[in-house]
Structures are given as structure tokens and as C-alpha cells.
Protein backbone atom coordinates (compact mmCIF):
# COMPACT_ATOMS: atom_id res chain seq x y z
CA MET A 1 129.03 116.23 95.05
CA GLY A 2 129.14 113.32 97.78
CA THR A 3 130.07 109.77 96.87
CA MET A 4 127.57 106.88 96.70
CA ALA A 5 128.05 105.86 100.21
CA GLU A 6 127.48 109.24 101.54
CA ALA A 7 124.16 109.30 99.57
CA ARG A 8 123.03 105.90 100.93
CA MET A 9 123.93 106.91 104.56
CA GLN A 10 121.91 110.14 103.97
CA LYS A 11 119.02 108.10 102.76
CA LYS A 12 119.43 105.54 105.74
CA VAL A 13 119.29 108.77 108.29
CA GLU A 14 116.22 109.97 106.75
CA GLU A 15 114.42 106.66 106.74
CA ALA A 16 115.37 106.45 110.39
CA LEU A 17 114.10 109.90 111.00
CA ARG A 18 110.83 109.31 109.11
CA SER A 19 110.48 105.99 111.17
CA LYS A 20 110.93 107.86 114.29
CA MET A 21 108.54 110.49 113.15
CA LYS A 22 106.07 108.17 112.16
CA ALA A 23 106.26 106.23 115.77
CA LYS A 24 105.92 109.29 117.62
CA ALA A 25 102.72 110.26 115.68
CA LEU A 26 101.05 106.77 116.25
CA LYS A 27 101.62 107.06 120.02
CA GLU A 28 100.34 110.74 120.17
CA CYS A 29 97.31 109.88 117.95
CA ASP A 30 96.65 106.44 119.92
CA SER A 31 93.07 107.22 121.36
CA VAL A 32 92.30 108.67 117.85
CA LEU A 33 93.56 105.56 116.14
CA ALA A 34 91.49 103.35 118.53
CA LYS A 35 88.35 105.15 117.85
CA PHE A 36 88.66 104.37 114.23
CA THR A 37 89.67 100.84 114.84
CA ASP A 38 86.80 100.32 116.94
CA CYS A 39 84.42 101.97 114.24
CA ALA A 40 86.25 99.78 111.48
CA ARG A 41 86.16 96.34 113.47
CA GLY A 42 83.70 93.92 111.67
CA ARG A 43 83.04 95.85 108.56
CA THR A 44 84.12 95.52 105.26
CA PHE A 45 82.78 98.09 102.31
CA SER A 46 80.75 99.99 104.86
CA VAL A 47 83.71 101.30 106.75
CA VAL A 48 84.33 104.04 103.89
CA TRP A 49 81.00 105.70 104.99
CA ALA A 50 80.32 104.70 108.46
CA CYS A 51 83.67 105.51 109.73
CA ARG A 52 84.00 108.55 107.84
CA ALA A 53 84.21 111.21 110.57
CA GLN A 54 86.73 108.79 112.47
CA HIS A 55 88.93 108.14 109.50
CA ARG A 56 88.95 112.06 109.07
CA GLU A 57 89.92 112.65 112.82
CA MET A 58 92.45 109.97 112.46
CA ASN A 59 94.26 111.84 109.40
CA ASP A 60 93.99 115.08 110.73
CA CYS A 61 95.78 114.04 114.19
CA LEU A 62 98.50 112.02 111.95
CA ARG A 63 99.11 115.06 109.77
CA GLN A 64 99.92 117.28 112.63
CA PHE A 65 102.78 114.89 113.46
CA THR A 66 104.16 113.75 109.93
CA ASN A 67 104.23 116.77 107.70
CA ASP A 68 107.23 118.42 106.11
CA GLU A 69 107.69 121.01 108.79
CA VAL A 70 107.76 118.40 111.43
CA PHE A 71 110.46 116.46 109.32
CA GLU A 72 112.58 119.16 108.65
CA GLU A 73 112.47 119.87 112.70
CA TYR A 74 113.77 116.24 112.92
CA LYS A 75 116.24 116.85 110.65
CA LYS A 76 117.57 119.92 112.30
CA GLN A 77 117.57 118.29 115.69
CA TYR A 78 119.64 115.11 114.10
CA MET A 79 122.19 118.10 112.59
CA LEU A 80 122.40 119.52 116.08
CA GLU A 81 123.09 116.37 117.83
CA THR A 82 125.55 114.96 115.40
CA SER A 83 127.57 118.36 115.18
CA SER A 84 127.73 118.32 118.92
CA THR A 85 129.36 115.14 119.20
CA SER A 86 132.00 115.51 116.56
């Protein structure tokens, strides 16, 4: 079993990888996010039904880039990169 420092380091690495994954998702889905933002601008409660299609499209796009399989690929890539530099 690893030490507390190793566990904290692994947690920091995973947080950094998740952040990288989210940043890529936001970049890839930029136009879809813009559509939702445009629809939601100036609305309050009505955004729920008025922008339902844009919201679904936004979530579908983001889900492509932020799911467990994608995260596992990020972790594999990180492991390859760190093992090749060691």
C-alpha cells in the first residue's frame, strides 16, 4: 500500500488530467456551447423549456469528451509519458 504522500500525488495527477479533459471538451464543443448560451441569454425560468434542444446537444457533445473511457485514455497516456521519461 502506498504512503499518504503518494495517494495525494495520485489525486493531484487525476485532478490535473480531469481538468485537461474538461478543457479539451469545452474547446471541442465551443460552437454548441455558444448556441446554448445564446438561447439562455436574457431568460430565467423559461430557459428550461425554451433551450431544451440546445441543452441536450451541449450535454451530448460534452459527454463525448468527458466520459470514463476518455479519462482512462488520459491516464494511459500519462503513464506512457511518465514511464518513458523515467
